[in-house]
Amino acid sequence: MSEEIVSTEEAKGLFGRIGLFYRQIISELVKVVWPTRNQLTTYTAVVLVFVGFIILVVSIFDLVLTKITFWVFG
């Protein structure tokens, strides 16, 4: 069966393969469950809060290591 697929794809030519590629993209995008505006707002807020928290943790960690480094070598 894979030989049949290869032979039909080879017979199509460049523009036929490009058209097939875009038809497959559109058929896959139709299957996507897109979030509602409320879900998108919630997800964005969660990501921003999480990133802010990680920035805070890394900043504190950096500050502590900086103080230790200046205490040891300063």
C-alpha atoms as a PDB file:
ATOM      1  CA  MET A   1       0.000   0.000   0.000  1.00  0.00           C
ATOM      2  CA  SER A   2       2.856   2.409   0.742  1.00  0.00           C
ATOM      3  CA  GLU A   3       4.088   1.871  -2.818  1.00  0.00           C
ATOM      4  CA  GLU A   4       0.701   3.056  -4.105  1.00  0.00           C
ATOM      5  CA  ILE A   5       0.912   6.224  -2.016  1.00  0.00           C
ATOM      6  CA  VAL A   6       4.438   6.943  -3.207  1.00  0.00           C
ATOM      7  CA  SER A   7       3.550   6.345  -6.838  1.00  0.00           C
ATOM      8  CA  THR A   8       0.488   8.631  -6.674  1.00  0.00           C
ATOM      9  CA  GLU A   9       2.504  11.362  -4.929  1.00  0.00           C
ATOM     10  CA  GLU A  10       5.265  11.101  -7.519  1.00  0.00           C
ATOM     11  CA  ALA A  11       2.732  11.362 -10.322  1.00  0.00           C
ATOM     12  CA  LYS A  12       1.207  14.591  -8.976  1.00  0.00           C
ATOM     13  CA  GLY A  13       4.074  16.971  -9.555  1.00  0.00           C
ATOM     14  CA  LEU A  14       5.159  19.975  -7.541  1.00  0.00           C
ATOM     15  CA  PHE A  15       1.933  21.989  -7.535  1.00  0.00           C
ATOM     16  CA  GLY A  16      -0.186  18.927  -6.821  1.00  0.00           C
ATOM     17  CA  ARG A  17       1.935  18.088  -3.802  1.00  0.00           C
ATOM     18  CA  ILE A  18       1.772  21.674  -2.553  1.00  0.00           C
ATOM     19  CA  GLY A  19      -2.011  21.654  -2.940  1.00  0.00           C
ATOM     20  CA  LEU A  20      -2.243  18.344  -1.092  1.00  0.00           C
ATOM     21  CA  PHE A  21      -0.063  19.740   1.689  1.00  0.00           C
ATOM     22  CA  TYR A  22      -2.341  22.762   2.206  1.00  0.00           C
ATOM     23  CA  ARG A  23      -5.499  20.641   2.039  1.00  0.00           C
ATOM     24  CA  GLN A  24      -4.060  18.416   4.758  1.00  0.00           C
ATOM     25  CA  ILE A  25      -3.200  21.463   6.890  1.00  0.00           C
ATOM     26  CA  ILE A  26      -6.733  22.810   6.594  1.00  0.00           C
ATOM     27  CA  SER A  27      -8.258  19.412   7.404  1.00  0.00           C
ATOM     28  CA  GLU A  28      -6.135  19.222  10.555  1.00  0.00           C
ATOM     29  CA  LEU A  29      -6.961  22.795  11.608  1.00  0.00           C
ATOM     30  CA  VAL A  30     -10.677  21.978  11.371  1.00  0.00           C
ATOM     31  CA  LYS A  31     -10.122  19.300  14.056  1.00  0.00           C
ATOM     32  CA  VAL A  32      -8.528  21.765  16.498  1.00  0.00           C
ATOM     33  CA  VAL A  33     -10.634  22.743  19.501  1.00  0.00           C
ATOM     34  CA  TRP A  34     -10.002  26.472  19.804  1.00  0.00           C
ATOM     35  CA  PRO A  35     -10.278  28.038  23.288  1.00  0.00           C
ATOM     36  CA  THR A  36     -12.979  30.559  24.051  1.00  0.00           C
ATOM     37  CA  ARG A  37     -12.057  34.129  24.925  1.00  0.00           C
ATOM     38  CA  ASN A  38     -12.635  33.408  28.615  1.00  0.00           C
ATOM     39  CA  GLN A  39     -10.409  30.318  28.525  1.00  0.00           C
ATOM     40  CA  LEU A  40      -7.717  32.223  26.646  1.00  0.00           C
ATOM     41  CA  THR A  41      -7.784  35.026  29.216  1.00  0.00           C
ATOM     42  CA  THR A  42      -7.558  32.501  32.058  1.00  0.00           C
ATOM     43  CA  TYR A  43      -4.676  30.601  30.449  1.00  0.00           C
ATOM     44  CA  THR A  44      -2.799  33.829  29.735  1.00  0.00           C
ATOM     45  CA  ALA A  45      -3.219  35.000  33.330  1.00  0.00           C
ATOM     46  CA  VAL A  46      -2.002  31.648  34.674  1.00  0.00           C
ATOM     47  CA  VAL A  47       1.082  31.749  32.453  1.00  0.00           C
ATOM     48  CA  LEU A  48       1.902  35.343  33.414  1.00  0.00           C
ATOM     49  CA  VAL A  49       1.533  34.609  37.146  1.00  0.00           C
ATOM     50  CA  PHE A  50       3.693  31.498  36.818  1.00  0.00           C
ATOM     51  CA  VAL A  51       6.392  33.363  34.875  1.00  0.00           C
ATOM     52  CA  GLY A  52       6.328  36.169  37.458  1.00  0.00           C
ATOM     53  CA  PHE A  53       6.725  33.630  40.253  1.00  0.00           C
ATOM     54  CA  ILE A  54       9.667  31.956  38.523  1.00  0.00           C
ATOM     55  CA  ILE A  55      11.296  35.354  37.934  1.00  0.00           C
ATOM     56  CA  LEU A  56      10.894  36.130  41.638  1.00  0.00           C
ATOM     57  CA  VAL A  57      12.414  32.796  42.712  1.00  0.00           C
ATOM     58  CA  VAL A  58      15.376  33.139  40.343  1.00  0.00           C
ATOM     59  CA  SER A  59      15.939  36.755  41.417  1.00  0.00           C
ATOM     60  CA  ILE A  60      16.003  35.810  45.088  1.00  0.00           C
ATOM     61  CA  PHE A  61      18.333  32.906  44.339  1.00  0.00           C
ATOM     62  CA  ASP A  62      20.620  35.257  42.384  1.00  0.00           C
ATOM     63  CA  LEU A  63      20.597  37.832  45.181  1.00  0.00           C
ATOM     64  CA  VAL A  64      21.503  35.198  47.790  1.00  0.00           C
ATOM     65  CA  LEU A  65      24.333  33.820  45.650  1.00  0.00           C
ATOM     66  CA  THR A  66      25.616  37.339  44.987  1.00  0.00           C
ATOM     67  CA  LYS A  67      25.662  38.120  48.730  1.00  0.00           C
ATOM     68  CA  ILE A  68      27.460  34.837  49.468  1.00  0.00           C
ATOM     69  CA  THR A  69      29.999  35.493  46.711  1.00  0.00           C
ATOM     70  CA  PHE A  70      30.780  39.012  47.973  1.00  0.00           C
ATOM     71  CA  TRP A  71      30.979  37.712  51.545  1.00  0.00           C
ATOM     72  CA  VAL A  72      33.457  34.975  50.547  1.00  0.00           C
ATOM     73  CA  PHE A  73      35.592  36.961  48.102  1.00  0.00           C
ATOM     74  CA  GLY A  74      34.874  40.521  49.150  1.00  0.00           C
END
